[in-house]
Amino acid sequence: MKKKYDFSNSIKNPYAKKVKKQISIKIENDTIIYFKELAIKVGIPYQNLMNSYLTDCAIKNIKPNLQWSK
């Protein structure tokens, strides 16, 4: 290991603004299976697919259309 490093020619990380935060969330098994199967079809990890979908919803300000039964 060097005693000193030269960072004068370094560039900023372009992904630093999109830092992800790890959370714990309970998701139904059927939902996870759906995203896992879809992820295989599109060729990306299912967690990335879920994140991309939720990000797209947030960007487009999509609100869920839920009807609660009594």
PDB file of N, CA and C in Angstrom:
ATOM      1  N   MET A   1       0.821  -1.164   0.000  1.00  0.00           N
ATOM      2  CA  MET A   1       0.000   0.000   0.000  1.00  0.00           C
ATOM      3  C   MET A   1       0.878   1.244   0.000  1.00  0.00           C
ATOM      4  N   LYS A   2       0.482   2.211  -0.812  1.00  0.00           N
ATOM      5  CA  LYS A   2       1.243   3.451  -0.879  1.00  0.00           C
ATOM      6  C   LYS A   2       0.932   4.327   0.330  1.00  0.00           C
ATOM      7  N   LYS A   3       1.877   5.183   0.656  1.00  0.00           N
ATOM      8  CA  LYS A   3       1.644   6.133   1.742  1.00  0.00           C
ATOM      9  C   LYS A   3       0.771   7.282   1.270  1.00  0.00           C
ATOM     10  N   LYS A   4       0.859   7.616  -0.030  1.00  0.00           N
ATOM     11  CA  LYS A   4       0.094   8.714  -0.599  1.00  0.00           C
ATOM     12  C   LYS A   4      -0.479   8.293  -1.946  1.00  0.00           C
ATOM     13  N   TYR A   5      -1.676   8.762  -2.254  1.00  0.00           N
ATOM     14  CA  TYR A   5      -2.310   8.495  -3.544  1.00  0.00           C
ATOM     15  C   TYR A   5      -2.647   9.821  -4.207  1.00  0.00           C
ATOM     16  N   ASP A   6      -2.555   9.842  -5.536  1.00  0.00           N
ATOM     17  CA  ASP A   6      -2.851  11.058  -6.297  1.00  0.00           C
ATOM     18  C   ASP A   6      -4.256  10.950  -6.884  1.00  0.00           C
ATOM     19  N   PHE A   7      -5.179  11.743  -6.377  1.00  0.00           N
ATOM     20  CA  PHE A   7      -6.552  11.751  -6.869  1.00  0.00           C
ATOM     21  C   PHE A   7      -6.844  12.989  -7.720  1.00  0.00           C
ATOM     22  N   SER A   8      -5.831  13.682  -8.170  1.00  0.00           N
ATOM     23  CA  SER A   8      -6.028  14.926  -8.917  1.00  0.00           C
ATOM     24  C   SER A   8      -6.728  14.699 -10.263  1.00  0.00           C
ATOM     25  N   ASN A   9      -6.592  13.523 -10.854  1.00  0.00           N
ATOM     26  CA  ASN A   9      -7.231  13.247 -12.146  1.00  0.00           C
ATOM     27  C   ASN A   9      -8.497  12.397 -12.002  1.00  0.00           C
ATOM     28  N   SER A  10      -8.979  12.231 -10.798  1.00  0.00           N
ATOM     29  CA  SER A  10     -10.158  11.393 -10.582  1.00  0.00           C
ATOM     30  C   SER A  10     -11.425  12.135 -10.990  1.00  0.00           C
ATOM     31  N   ILE A  11     -12.473  11.371 -11.256  1.00  0.00           N
ATOM     32  CA  ILE A  11     -13.771  11.961 -11.601  1.00  0.00           C
ATOM     33  C   ILE A  11     -14.793  11.523 -10.554  1.00  0.00           C
ATOM     34  N   LYS A  12     -15.853  12.317 -10.418  1.00  0.00           N
ATOM     35  CA  LYS A  12     -16.907  12.006  -9.458  1.00  0.00           C
ATOM     36  C   LYS A  12     -17.680  10.776  -9.929  1.00  0.00           C
ATOM     37  N   ASN A  13     -18.145  10.024  -9.000  1.00  0.00           N
ATOM     38  CA  ASN A  13     -18.969   8.861  -9.303  1.00  0.00           C
ATOM     39  C   ASN A  13     -20.319   9.336  -9.827  1.00  0.00           C
ATOM     40  N   PRO A  14     -20.681   8.974 -11.077  1.00  0.00           N
ATOM     41  CA  PRO A  14     -21.952   9.445 -11.638  1.00  0.00           C
ATOM     42  C   PRO A  14     -23.163   8.819 -10.953  1.00  0.00           C
ATOM     43  N   TYR A  15     -22.966   7.744 -10.216  1.00  0.00           N
ATOM     44  CA  TYR A  15     -24.076   7.073  -9.549  1.00  0.00           C
ATOM     45  C   TYR A  15     -24.237   7.505  -8.098  1.00  0.00           C
ATOM     46  N   ALA A  16     -23.392   8.384  -7.634  1.00  0.00           N
ATOM     47  CA  ALA A  16     -23.415   8.784  -6.225  1.00  0.00           C
ATOM     48  C   ALA A  16     -24.736   9.444  -5.844  1.00  0.00           C
ATOM     49  N   LYS A  17     -25.382  10.124  -6.770  1.00  0.00           N
ATOM     50  CA  LYS A  17     -26.655  10.771  -6.468  1.00  0.00           C
ATOM     51  C   LYS A  17     -27.772   9.745  -6.310  1.00  0.00           C
ATOM     52  N   LYS A  18     -27.601   8.568  -6.880  1.00  0.00           N
ATOM     53  CA  LYS A  18     -28.630   7.545  -6.839  1.00  0.00           C
ATOM     54  C   LYS A  18     -28.275   6.457  -5.823  1.00  0.00           C
ATOM     55  N   VAL A  19     -27.850   6.880  -4.673  1.00  0.00           N
ATOM     56  CA  VAL A  19     -27.481   5.933  -3.624  1.00  0.00           C
ATOM     57  C   VAL A  19     -28.738   5.197  -3.170  1.00  0.00           C
ATOM     58  N   LYS A  20     -28.631   3.888  -3.057  1.00  0.00           N
ATOM     59  CA  LYS A  20     -29.764   3.079  -2.622  1.00  0.00           C
ATOM     60  C   LYS A  20     -29.682   2.879  -1.118  1.00  0.00           C
ATOM     61  N   LYS A  21     -30.846   2.777  -0.509  1.00  0.00           N
ATOM     62  CA  LYS A  21     -30.925   2.540   0.926  1.00  0.00           C
ATOM     63  C   LYS A  21     -31.522   1.160   1.148  1.00  0.00           C
ATOM     64  N   GLN A  22     -30.842   0.367   1.931  1.00  0.00           N
ATOM     65  CA  GLN A  22     -31.348  -0.971   2.233  1.00  0.00           C
ATOM     66  C   GLN A  22     -32.447  -0.873   3.271  1.00  0.00           C
ATOM     67  N   ILE A  23     -33.575  -1.515   2.968  1.00  0.00           N
ATOM     68  CA  ILE A  23     -34.705  -1.533   3.904  1.00  0.00           C
ATOM     69  C   ILE A  23     -35.193  -2.968   4.066  1.00  0.00           C
ATOM     70  N   SER A  24     -36.029  -3.166   5.033  1.00  0.00           N
ATOM     71  CA  SER A  24     -36.682  -4.452   5.226  1.00  0.00           C
ATOM     72  C   SER A  24     -38.158  -4.250   4.908  1.00  0.00           C
ATOM     73  N   ILE A  25     -38.697  -5.116   4.049  1.00  0.00           N
ATOM     74  CA  ILE A  25     -40.090  -4.986   3.648  1.00  0.00           C
ATOM     75  C   ILE A  25     -40.695  -6.377   3.512  1.00  0.00           C
ATOM     76  N   LYS A  26     -41.930  -6.519   3.937  1.00  0.00           N
ATOM     77  CA  LYS A  26     -42.614  -7.806   3.816  1.00  0.00           C
ATOM     78  C   LYS A  26     -43.435  -7.789   2.533  1.00  0.00           C
ATOM     79  N   ILE A  27     -43.126  -8.732   1.645  1.00  0.00           N
ATOM     80  CA  ILE A  27     -43.821  -8.846   0.370  1.00  0.00           C
ATOM     81  C   ILE A  27     -44.374 -10.255   0.261  1.00  0.00           C
ATOM     82  N   GLU A  28     -45.588 -10.361  -0.231  1.00  0.00           N
ATOM     83  CA  GLU A  28     -46.228 -11.665  -0.351  1.00  0.00           C
ATOM     84  C   GLU A  28     -45.445 -12.557  -1.311  1.00  0.00           C
ATOM     85  N   ASN A  29     -45.443 -13.859  -1.019  1.00  0.00           N
ATOM     86  CA  ASN A  29     -44.702 -14.824  -1.833  1.00  0.00           C
ATOM     87  C   ASN A  29     -45.105 -14.789  -3.302  1.00  0.00           C
ATOM     88  N   ASP A  30     -46.415 -14.677  -3.578  1.00  0.00           N
ATOM     89  CA  ASP A  30     -46.883 -14.648  -4.969  1.00  0.00           C
ATOM     90  C   ASP A  30     -46.298 -13.469  -5.731  1.00  0.00           C
ATOM     91  N   THR A  31     -46.156 -12.347  -5.051  1.00  0.00           N
ATOM     92  CA  THR A  31     -45.589 -11.157  -5.682  1.00  0.00           C
ATOM     93  C   THR A  31     -44.117 -11.372  -6.000  1.00  0.00           C
ATOM     94  N   ILE A  32     -43.386 -11.963  -5.083  1.00  0.00           N
ATOM     95  CA  ILE A  32     -41.965 -12.239  -5.311  1.00  0.00           C
ATOM     96  C   ILE A  32     -41.796 -13.232  -6.456  1.00  0.00           C
ATOM     97  N   ILE A  33     -42.622 -14.262  -6.479  1.00  0.00           N
ATOM     98  CA  ILE A  33     -42.551 -15.247  -7.563  1.00  0.00           C
ATOM     99  C   ILE A  33     -42.813 -14.575  -8.904  1.00  0.00           C
ATOM    100  N   TYR A  34     -43.814 -13.697  -8.957  1.00  0.00           N
ATOM    101  CA  TYR A  34     -44.129 -12.982 -10.192  1.00  0.00           C
ATOM    102  C   TYR A  34     -42.915 -12.196 -10.686  1.00  0.00           C
ATOM    103  N   PHE A  35     -42.298 -11.426  -9.801  1.00  0.00           N
ATOM    104  CA  PHE A  35     -41.154 -10.606 -10.211  1.00  0.00           C
ATOM    105  C   PHE A  35     -39.935 -11.459 -10.539  1.00  0.00           C
ATOM    106  N   LYS A  36     -39.752 -12.563  -9.863  1.00  0.00           N
ATOM    107  CA  LYS A  36     -38.629 -13.454 -10.182  1.00  0.00           C
ATOM    108  C   LYS A  36     -38.791 -14.050 -11.574  1.00  0.00           C
ATOM    109  N   GLU A  37     -40.009 -14.491 -11.905  1.00  0.00           N
ATOM    110  CA  GLU A  37     -40.263 -15.052 -13.229  1.00  0.00           C
ATOM    111  C   GLU A  37     -40.101 -13.997 -14.316  1.00  0.00           C
ATOM    112  N   LEU A  38     -40.610 -12.801 -14.054  1.00  0.00           N
ATOM    113  CA  LEU A  38     -40.475 -11.706 -15.019  1.00  0.00           C
ATOM    114  C   LEU A  38     -39.016 -11.304 -15.184  1.00  0.00           C
ATOM    115  N   ALA A  39     -38.275 -11.311 -14.100  1.00  0.00           N
ATOM    116  CA  ALA A  39     -36.854 -10.948 -14.139  1.00  0.00           C
ATOM    117  C   ALA A  39     -36.056 -11.912 -15.012  1.00  0.00           C
ATOM    118  N   ILE A  40     -36.399 -13.184 -14.942  1.00  0.00           N
ATOM    119  CA  ILE A  40     -35.721 -14.170 -15.795  1.00  0.00           C
ATOM    120  C   ILE A  40     -35.983 -13.853 -17.258  1.00  0.00           C
ATOM    121  N   LYS A  41     -37.226 -13.498 -17.592  1.00  0.00           N
ATOM    122  CA  LYS A  41     -37.598 -13.187 -18.977  1.00  0.00           C
ATOM    123  C   LYS A  41     -36.861 -11.964 -19.508  1.00  0.00           C
ATOM    124  N   VAL A  42     -36.698 -10.937 -18.663  1.00  0.00           N
ATOM    125  CA  VAL A  42     -36.048  -9.706 -19.129  1.00  0.00           C
ATOM    126  C   VAL A  42     -34.547  -9.696 -18.865  1.00  0.00           C
ATOM    127  N   GLY A  43     -34.070 -10.650 -18.082  1.00  0.00           N
ATOM    128  CA  GLY A  43     -32.630 -10.821 -17.892  1.00  0.00           C
ATOM    129  C   GLY A  43     -31.964  -9.902 -16.895  1.00  0.00           C
ATOM    130  N   ILE A  44     -32.711  -9.492 -15.857  1.00  0.00           N
ATOM    131  CA  ILE A  44     -32.104  -8.697 -14.791  1.00  0.00           C
ATOM    132  C   ILE A  44     -32.514  -9.292 -13.444  1.00  0.00           C
ATOM    133  N   PRO A  45     -31.773  -9.040 -12.391  1.00  0.00           N
ATOM    134  CA  PRO A  45     -32.150  -9.549 -11.075  1.00  0.00           C
ATOM    135  C   PRO A  45     -33.514  -9.008 -10.634  1.00  0.00           C
ATOM    136  N   TYR A  46     -34.282  -9.850  -9.948  1.00  0.00           N
ATOM    137  CA  TYR A  46     -35.650  -9.454  -9.595  1.00  0.00           C
ATOM    138  C   TYR A  46     -35.699  -8.233  -8.682  1.00  0.00           C
ATOM    139  N   GLN A  47     -34.706  -8.072  -7.799  1.00  0.00           N
ATOM    140  CA  GLN A  47     -34.720  -6.899  -6.922  1.00  0.00           C
ATOM    141  C   GLN A  47     -34.481  -5.620  -7.726  1.00  0.00           C
ATOM    142  N   ASN A  48     -33.639  -5.693  -8.738  1.00  0.00           N
ATOM    143  CA  ASN A  48     -33.429  -4.532  -9.615  1.00  0.00           C
ATOM    144  C   ASN A  48     -34.697  -4.226 -10.396  1.00  0.00           C
ATOM    145  N   LEU A  49     -35.381  -5.277 -10.839  1.00  0.00           N
ATOM    146  CA  LEU A  49     -36.633  -5.094 -11.570  1.00  0.00           C
ATOM    147  C   LEU A  49     -37.685  -4.426 -10.687  1.00  0.00           C
ATOM    148  N   MET A  50     -37.811  -4.896  -9.453  1.00  0.00           N
ATOM    149  CA  MET A  50     -38.772  -4.297  -8.527  1.00  0.00           C
ATOM    150  C   MET A  50     -38.420  -2.836  -8.246  1.00  0.00           C
ATOM    151  N   ASN A  51     -37.136  -2.558  -8.057  1.00  0.00           N
ATOM    152  CA  ASN A  51     -36.693  -1.191  -7.810  1.00  0.00           C
ATOM    153  C   ASN A  51     -36.990  -0.306  -9.017  1.00  0.00           C
ATOM    154  N   SER A  52     -36.715  -0.815 -10.219  1.00  0.00           N
ATOM    155  CA  SER A  52     -36.972  -0.034 -11.437  1.00  0.00           C
ATOM    156  C   SER A  52     -38.454   0.263 -11.588  1.00  0.00           C
ATOM    157  N   TYR A  53     -39.286  -0.733 -11.305  1.00  0.00           N
ATOM    158  CA  TYR A  53     -40.732  -0.547 -11.401  1.00  0.00           C
ATOM    159  C   TYR A  53     -41.217   0.507 -10.397  1.00  0.00           C
ATOM    160  N   LEU A  54     -40.776   0.398  -9.155  1.00  0.00           N
ATOM    161  CA  LEU A  54     -41.194   1.359  -8.137  1.00  0.00           C
ATOM    162  C   LEU A  54     -40.663   2.759  -8.431  1.00  0.00           C
ATOM    163  N   THR A  55     -39.442   2.842  -8.953  1.00  0.00           N
ATOM    164  CA  THR A  55     -38.871   4.135  -9.331  1.00  0.00           C
ATOM    165  C   THR A  55     -39.696   4.764 -10.442  1.00  0.00           C
ATOM    166  N   ASP A  56     -40.084   3.959 -11.436  1.00  0.00           N
ATOM    167  CA  ASP A  56     -40.904   4.444 -12.539  1.00  0.00           C
ATOM    168  C   ASP A  56     -42.249   4.964 -12.026  1.00  0.00           C
ATOM    169  N   CYS A  57     -42.853   4.242 -11.088  1.00  0.00           N
ATOM    170  CA  CYS A  57     -44.112   4.694 -10.490  1.00  0.00           C
ATOM    171  C   CYS A  57     -43.933   6.037  -9.779  1.00  0.00           C
ATOM    172  N   ALA A  58     -42.832   6.178  -9.049  1.00  0.00           N
ATOM    173  CA  ALA A  58     -42.573   7.419  -8.313  1.00  0.00           C
ATOM    174  C   ALA A  58     -42.344   8.581  -9.268  1.00  0.00           C
ATOM    175  N   ILE A  59     -41.574   8.350 -10.341  1.00  0.00           N
ATOM    176  CA  ILE A  59     -41.293   9.414 -11.313  1.00  0.00           C
ATOM    177  C   ILE A  59     -42.574   9.864 -12.001  1.00  0.00           C
ATOM    178  N   LYS A  60     -43.433   8.906 -12.340  1.00  0.00           N
ATOM    179  CA  LYS A  60     -44.684   9.209 -13.049  1.00  0.00           C
ATOM    180  C   LYS A  60     -45.820   9.570 -12.101  1.00  0.00           C
ATOM    181  N   ASN A  61     -45.526   9.591 -10.800  1.00  0.00           N
ATOM    182  CA  ASN A  61     -46.512   9.929  -9.767  1.00  0.00           C
ATOM    183  C   ASN A  61     -47.747   9.036  -9.873  1.00  0.00           C
ATOM    184  N   ILE A  62     -47.524   7.754 -10.104  1.00  0.00           N
ATOM    185  CA  ILE A  62     -48.613   6.799 -10.217  1.00  0.00           C
ATOM    186  C   ILE A  62     -49.085   6.426  -8.816  1.00  0.00           C
ATOM    187  N   LYS A  63     -50.377   6.562  -8.613  1.00  0.00           N
ATOM    188  CA  LYS A  63     -50.955   6.225  -7.321  1.00  0.00           C
ATOM    189  C   LYS A  63     -51.714   4.905  -7.468  1.00  0.00           C
ATOM    190  N   PRO A  64     -51.639   4.040  -6.470  1.00  0.00           N
ATOM    191  CA  PRO A  64     -52.343   2.758  -6.576  1.00  0.00           C
ATOM    192  C   PRO A  64     -53.852   2.938  -6.586  1.00  0.00           C
ATOM    193  N   ASN A  65     -54.515   2.105  -7.334  1.00  0.00           N
ATOM    194  CA  ASN A  65     -55.976   2.110  -7.396  1.00  0.00           C
ATOM    195  C   ASN A  65     -56.474   0.920  -6.584  1.00  0.00           C
ATOM    196  N   LEU A  66     -56.553   1.110  -5.287  1.00  0.00           N
ATOM    197  CA  LEU A  66     -56.923   0.027  -4.383  1.00  0.00           C
ATOM    198  C   LEU A  66     -58.360   0.192  -3.908  1.00  0.00           C
ATOM    199  N   GLN A  67     -59.051  -0.927  -3.841  1.00  0.00           N
ATOM    200  CA  GLN A  67     -60.408  -0.923  -3.289  1.00  0.00           C
ATOM    201  C   GLN A  67     -60.433  -1.941  -2.164  1.00  0.00           C
ATOM    202  N   TRP A  68     -60.625  -1.436  -0.965  1.00  0.00           N
ATOM    203  CA  TRP A  68     -60.609  -2.300   0.203  1.00  0.00           C
ATOM    204  C   TRP A  68     -62.004  -2.887   0.405  1.00  0.00           C
ATOM    205  N   SER A  69     -62.054  -4.196   0.607  1.00  0.00           N
ATOM    206  CA  SER A  69     -63.357  -4.833   0.854  1.00  0.00           C
ATOM    207  C   SER A  69     -63.629  -4.853   2.349  1.00  0.00           C
ATOM    208  N   LYS A  70     -64.894  -4.784   2.681  1.00  0.00           N
ATOM    209  CA  LYS A  70     -65.284  -4.772   4.099  1.00  0.00           C
ATOM    210  C   LYS A  70     -65.662  -6.145   4.560  1.00  0.00           C
TER     211      LYS A  70
END
